[in-house]
Structure formats: structure tokens, C-alpha cells
Amino acid sequence: MNDSVRRHAAVLDTAKGTMLLTPRNDSTVHFTITYARPDSAHLVLAGLIDADSIFVTLVRRDETGFLLLKRGFHWINEEPFNR
């Protein structure tokens, strides 16, 4: 974990529940990641990237709790909004 960014093209296969990732700078390399939706609030990713195992669990947040949706968007603020 060094805060670097790696861009990949992704191709989803919804029937198999897999995602094929290809680095943008080398189209000969491919990584296959499996994904699953155990329920409507979770997404689980698992696979190998460069011989490193990954296992990621994503949790969906309630959109109504986001500040932009709660407060609304204003091009011009009459008063500064400092959280």
C-alpha cells in the first residue's frame, strides 16, 4: 500500500460472477476477480492480483445520509458552510 494508482479495463461476466481486469499499459496480462452479492447491502470481491490474494467486502451506505443530498447543492452560499 503506497497510495499508487493502477488503471485497469474491466469486463464483467454476470453469469459466472467474475470480473476480468486488464492493466491499461499491458494488454497481455489478465486478472480474474470473483464477485458475489450475499445481500443487497454487501458486495464481496476475491481473487489474485500479481500473485497477491485479495478479499474485499464493500458495504453500501444509505444515500440519504450524504451531505450533498441532505443539505442540497447551492451555487451561491449566502453564508459560509463550515462543518
N, C-alpha and C. Protein backbone atom coordinates (compact mmCIF):
# COMPACT_ATOMS: atom_id res chain seq x y z
N MET A 1 0.85 -1.16 0.00
CA MET A 1 0.00 0.00 0.00
C MET A 1 0.90 1.23 0.00
N ASN A 2 0.99 1.83 -1.17
CA ASN A 2 1.85 3.01 -1.30
C ASN A 2 1.12 4.18 -1.92
N ASP A 3 -0.20 4.15 -1.91
CA ASP A 3 -1.04 5.21 -2.47
C ASP A 3 -0.86 5.38 -3.98
N SER A 4 -0.37 4.36 -4.67
CA SER A 4 -0.24 4.45 -6.11
C SER A 4 -1.57 4.07 -6.76
N VAL A 5 -1.74 4.51 -7.99
CA VAL A 5 -2.97 4.24 -8.74
C VAL A 5 -2.62 3.35 -9.92
N ARG A 6 -3.39 2.29 -10.09
CA ARG A 6 -3.22 1.39 -11.23
C ARG A 6 -4.55 1.31 -11.96
N ARG A 7 -4.56 1.67 -13.22
CA ARG A 7 -5.80 1.66 -14.01
C ARG A 7 -5.93 0.35 -14.75
N HIS A 8 -7.17 -0.18 -14.74
CA HIS A 8 -7.47 -1.44 -15.42
C HIS A 8 -8.77 -1.30 -16.20
N ALA A 9 -8.84 -2.01 -17.30
CA ALA A 9 -10.11 -2.16 -18.01
C ALA A 9 -10.79 -3.38 -17.40
N ALA A 10 -12.11 -3.33 -17.26
CA ALA A 10 -12.86 -4.41 -16.63
C ALA A 10 -13.92 -4.94 -17.57
N VAL A 11 -14.04 -6.27 -17.61
CA VAL A 11 -15.09 -6.94 -18.37
C VAL A 11 -15.84 -7.85 -17.40
N LEU A 12 -17.15 -7.60 -17.22
CA LEU A 12 -17.95 -8.38 -16.28
C LEU A 12 -18.61 -9.56 -16.98
N ASP A 13 -18.64 -10.69 -16.29
CA ASP A 13 -19.39 -11.86 -16.73
C ASP A 13 -20.40 -12.14 -15.62
N THR A 14 -21.62 -11.64 -15.80
CA THR A 14 -22.63 -11.75 -14.75
C THR A 14 -23.11 -13.18 -14.56
N ALA A 15 -23.02 -14.02 -15.57
CA ALA A 15 -23.44 -15.42 -15.43
C ALA A 15 -22.50 -16.19 -14.51
N LYS A 16 -21.19 -15.93 -14.62
CA LYS A 16 -20.20 -16.61 -13.79
C LYS A 16 -19.89 -15.85 -12.51
N GLY A 17 -20.24 -14.59 -12.44
CA GLY A 17 -19.91 -13.77 -11.28
C GLY A 17 -18.43 -13.43 -11.23
N THR A 18 -17.84 -13.15 -12.40
CA THR A 18 -16.42 -12.82 -12.46
C THR A 18 -16.21 -11.48 -13.15
N MET A 19 -15.04 -10.92 -12.88
CA MET A 19 -14.63 -9.67 -13.49
C MET A 19 -13.20 -9.87 -14.00
N LEU A 20 -12.97 -9.66 -15.28
CA LEU A 20 -11.65 -9.79 -15.87
C LEU A 20 -11.01 -8.41 -15.93
N LEU A 21 -9.90 -8.24 -15.24
CA LEU A 21 -9.20 -6.96 -15.20
C LEU A 21 -7.96 -7.04 -16.09
N THR A 22 -7.76 -6.02 -16.91
CA THR A 22 -6.59 -5.94 -17.78
C THR A 22 -5.93 -4.59 -17.55
N PRO A 23 -4.64 -4.56 -17.17
CA PRO A 23 -3.97 -3.27 -16.99
C PRO A 23 -3.96 -2.49 -18.29
N ARG A 24 -4.11 -1.19 -18.20
CA ARG A 24 -4.18 -0.36 -19.41
C ARG A 24 -2.85 -0.31 -20.14
N ASN A 25 -1.74 -0.51 -19.42
CA ASN A 25 -0.43 -0.39 -20.07
C ASN A 25 0.10 -1.73 -20.59
N ASP A 26 -0.60 -2.87 -20.31
CA ASP A 26 -0.15 -4.18 -20.77
C ASP A 26 -1.37 -5.08 -20.99
N SER A 27 -1.78 -5.21 -22.24
CA SER A 27 -2.99 -5.96 -22.54
C SER A 27 -2.79 -7.47 -22.53
N THR A 28 -1.55 -7.94 -22.32
CA THR A 28 -1.30 -9.38 -22.29
C THR A 28 -1.52 -9.98 -20.90
N VAL A 29 -1.64 -9.15 -19.88
CA VAL A 29 -1.81 -9.62 -18.50
C VAL A 29 -3.29 -9.52 -18.14
N HIS A 30 -3.83 -10.56 -17.48
CA HIS A 30 -5.23 -10.56 -17.07
C HIS A 30 -5.34 -11.06 -15.63
N PHE A 31 -6.24 -10.47 -14.87
CA PHE A 31 -6.55 -10.91 -13.51
C PHE A 31 -8.03 -11.22 -13.45
N THR A 32 -8.39 -12.34 -12.85
CA THR A 32 -9.80 -12.69 -12.71
C THR A 32 -10.20 -12.54 -11.25
N ILE A 33 -11.21 -11.73 -11.02
CA ILE A 33 -11.75 -11.48 -9.68
C ILE A 33 -13.18 -12.00 -9.65
N THR A 34 -13.52 -12.75 -8.62
CA THR A 34 -14.90 -13.19 -8.46
C THR A 34 -15.64 -12.19 -7.58
N TYR A 35 -16.91 -12.03 -7.85
CA TYR A 35 -17.71 -11.14 -7.01
C TYR A 35 -19.02 -11.83 -6.66
N ALA A 36 -19.55 -11.44 -5.50
CA ALA A 36 -20.81 -12.01 -5.03
C ALA A 36 -21.58 -10.94 -4.27
N ARG A 37 -22.89 -11.03 -4.34
CA ARG A 37 -23.79 -10.14 -3.59
C ARG A 37 -24.53 -10.98 -2.57
N PRO A 38 -23.97 -11.18 -1.36
CA PRO A 38 -24.65 -12.01 -0.37
C PRO A 38 -25.99 -11.42 0.06
N ASP A 39 -26.10 -10.10 0.03
CA ASP A 39 -27.37 -9.42 0.29
C ASP A 39 -27.32 -8.07 -0.41
N SER A 40 -28.37 -7.30 -0.31
CA SER A 40 -28.45 -6.04 -1.06
C SER A 40 -27.50 -4.97 -0.53
N ALA A 41 -26.93 -5.16 0.64
CA ALA A 41 -26.06 -4.14 1.22
C ALA A 41 -24.58 -4.48 1.14
N HIS A 42 -24.21 -5.65 0.61
CA HIS A 42 -22.82 -6.06 0.60
C HIS A 42 -22.40 -6.56 -0.79
N LEU A 43 -21.13 -6.30 -1.11
CA LEU A 43 -20.50 -6.81 -2.32
C LEU A 43 -19.15 -7.37 -1.90
N VAL A 44 -18.86 -8.63 -2.26
CA VAL A 44 -17.62 -9.29 -1.87
C VAL A 44 -16.81 -9.56 -3.12
N LEU A 45 -15.53 -9.14 -3.11
CA LEU A 45 -14.60 -9.36 -4.21
C LEU A 45 -13.48 -10.26 -3.71
N ALA A 46 -13.05 -11.23 -4.53
CA ALA A 46 -11.94 -12.11 -4.14
C ALA A 46 -11.20 -12.54 -5.38
N GLY A 47 -9.88 -12.72 -5.24
CA GLY A 47 -9.09 -13.18 -6.37
C GLY A 47 -7.61 -12.97 -6.16
N LEU A 48 -6.85 -13.06 -7.24
CA LEU A 48 -5.41 -12.86 -7.22
C LEU A 48 -5.04 -11.71 -8.15
N ILE A 49 -4.16 -10.84 -7.66
CA ILE A 49 -3.60 -9.78 -8.48
C ILE A 49 -2.09 -9.81 -8.25
N ASP A 50 -1.34 -10.10 -9.31
CA ASP A 50 0.13 -10.21 -9.21
C ASP A 50 0.55 -11.18 -8.11
N ALA A 51 -0.06 -12.34 -8.02
CA ALA A 51 0.25 -13.38 -7.03
C ALA A 51 -0.09 -12.96 -5.60
N ASP A 52 -0.81 -11.87 -5.43
CA ASP A 52 -1.27 -11.43 -4.12
C ASP A 52 -2.76 -11.72 -4.01
N SER A 53 -3.16 -12.38 -2.94
CA SER A 53 -4.58 -12.65 -2.71
C SER A 53 -5.28 -11.40 -2.22
N ILE A 54 -6.47 -11.18 -2.75
CA ILE A 54 -7.28 -10.06 -2.25
C ILE A 54 -8.64 -10.59 -1.82
N PHE A 55 -9.18 -9.99 -0.80
CA PHE A 55 -10.53 -10.28 -0.34
C PHE A 55 -11.08 -8.96 0.19
N VAL A 56 -12.10 -8.45 -0.47
CA VAL A 56 -12.64 -7.13 -0.16
C VAL A 56 -14.14 -7.26 0.09
N THR A 57 -14.61 -6.68 1.18
CA THR A 57 -16.04 -6.61 1.45
C THR A 57 -16.45 -5.15 1.42
N LEU A 58 -17.38 -4.81 0.52
CA LEU A 58 -17.89 -3.45 0.40
C LEU A 58 -19.28 -3.39 1.02
N VAL A 59 -19.54 -2.33 1.76
CA VAL A 59 -20.83 -2.16 2.42
C VAL A 59 -21.50 -0.92 1.85
N ARG A 60 -22.72 -1.07 1.39
CA ARG A 60 -23.47 0.05 0.82
C ARG A 60 -23.93 0.98 1.93
N ARG A 61 -23.74 2.26 1.71
CA ARG A 61 -24.20 3.27 2.67
C ARG A 61 -25.53 3.84 2.20
N ASP A 62 -26.28 4.33 3.14
CA ASP A 62 -27.56 4.96 2.83
C ASP A 62 -27.29 6.30 2.15
N GLU A 63 -27.77 6.46 0.93
CA GLU A 63 -27.51 7.68 0.16
C GLU A 63 -28.09 8.93 0.80
N THR A 64 -29.16 8.79 1.55
CA THR A 64 -29.78 9.97 2.15
C THR A 64 -28.91 10.58 3.25
N GLY A 65 -27.90 9.86 3.70
CA GLY A 65 -27.01 10.38 4.73
C GLY A 65 -25.87 11.22 4.18
N PHE A 66 -25.69 11.26 2.85
CA PHE A 66 -24.62 12.06 2.27
C PHE A 66 -24.94 13.55 2.40
N LEU A 67 -23.92 14.31 2.73
CA LEU A 67 -24.10 15.74 3.00
C LEU A 67 -24.71 16.48 1.81
N LEU A 68 -24.26 16.19 0.59
CA LEU A 68 -24.78 16.90 -0.57
C LEU A 68 -26.28 16.66 -0.75
N LEU A 69 -26.75 15.46 -0.45
CA LEU A 69 -28.18 15.17 -0.59
C LEU A 69 -28.98 15.72 0.59
N LYS A 70 -28.40 15.70 1.78
CA LYS A 70 -29.11 16.22 2.96
C LYS A 70 -29.25 17.74 2.89
N ARG A 71 -28.17 18.41 2.55
CA ARG A 71 -28.15 19.86 2.58
C ARG A 71 -28.63 20.45 1.27
N GLY A 72 -28.40 19.75 0.17
CA GLY A 72 -28.72 20.29 -1.14
C GLY A 72 -27.53 21.05 -1.71
N PHE A 73 -27.55 21.26 -3.01
CA PHE A 73 -26.46 21.95 -3.67
C PHE A 73 -26.86 23.40 -3.93
N HIS A 74 -25.94 24.30 -3.65
CA HIS A 74 -26.19 25.73 -3.86
C HIS A 74 -24.99 26.33 -4.60
N TRP A 75 -25.22 26.94 -5.74
CA TRP A 75 -24.12 27.58 -6.46
C TRP A 75 -23.57 28.74 -5.66
N ILE A 76 -24.47 29.49 -5.04
CA ILE A 76 -24.06 30.65 -4.25
C ILE A 76 -24.54 30.44 -2.83
N ASN A 77 -23.62 30.53 -1.89
CA ASN A 77 -23.98 30.39 -0.47
C ASN A 77 -24.08 31.78 0.14
N GLU A 78 -25.18 32.06 0.80
CA GLU A 78 -25.35 33.34 1.48
C GLU A 78 -24.42 33.43 2.69
N GLU A 79 -24.18 32.31 3.30
CA GLU A 79 -23.28 32.23 4.45
C GLU A 79 -22.31 31.09 4.21
N PRO A 80 -21.08 31.20 4.71
CA PRO A 80 -20.15 30.09 4.53
C PRO A 80 -20.64 28.85 5.28
N PHE A 81 -20.45 27.71 4.67
CA PHE A 81 -20.85 26.46 5.31
C PHE A 81 -19.59 25.73 5.78
N ASN A 82 -19.29 25.87 7.04
CA ASN A 82 -18.13 25.20 7.63
C ASN A 82 -18.63 24.10 8.54
N ARG A 83 -18.30 22.89 8.21
CA ARG A 83 -18.78 21.78 9.01
C ARG A 83 -18.15 21.76 10.36
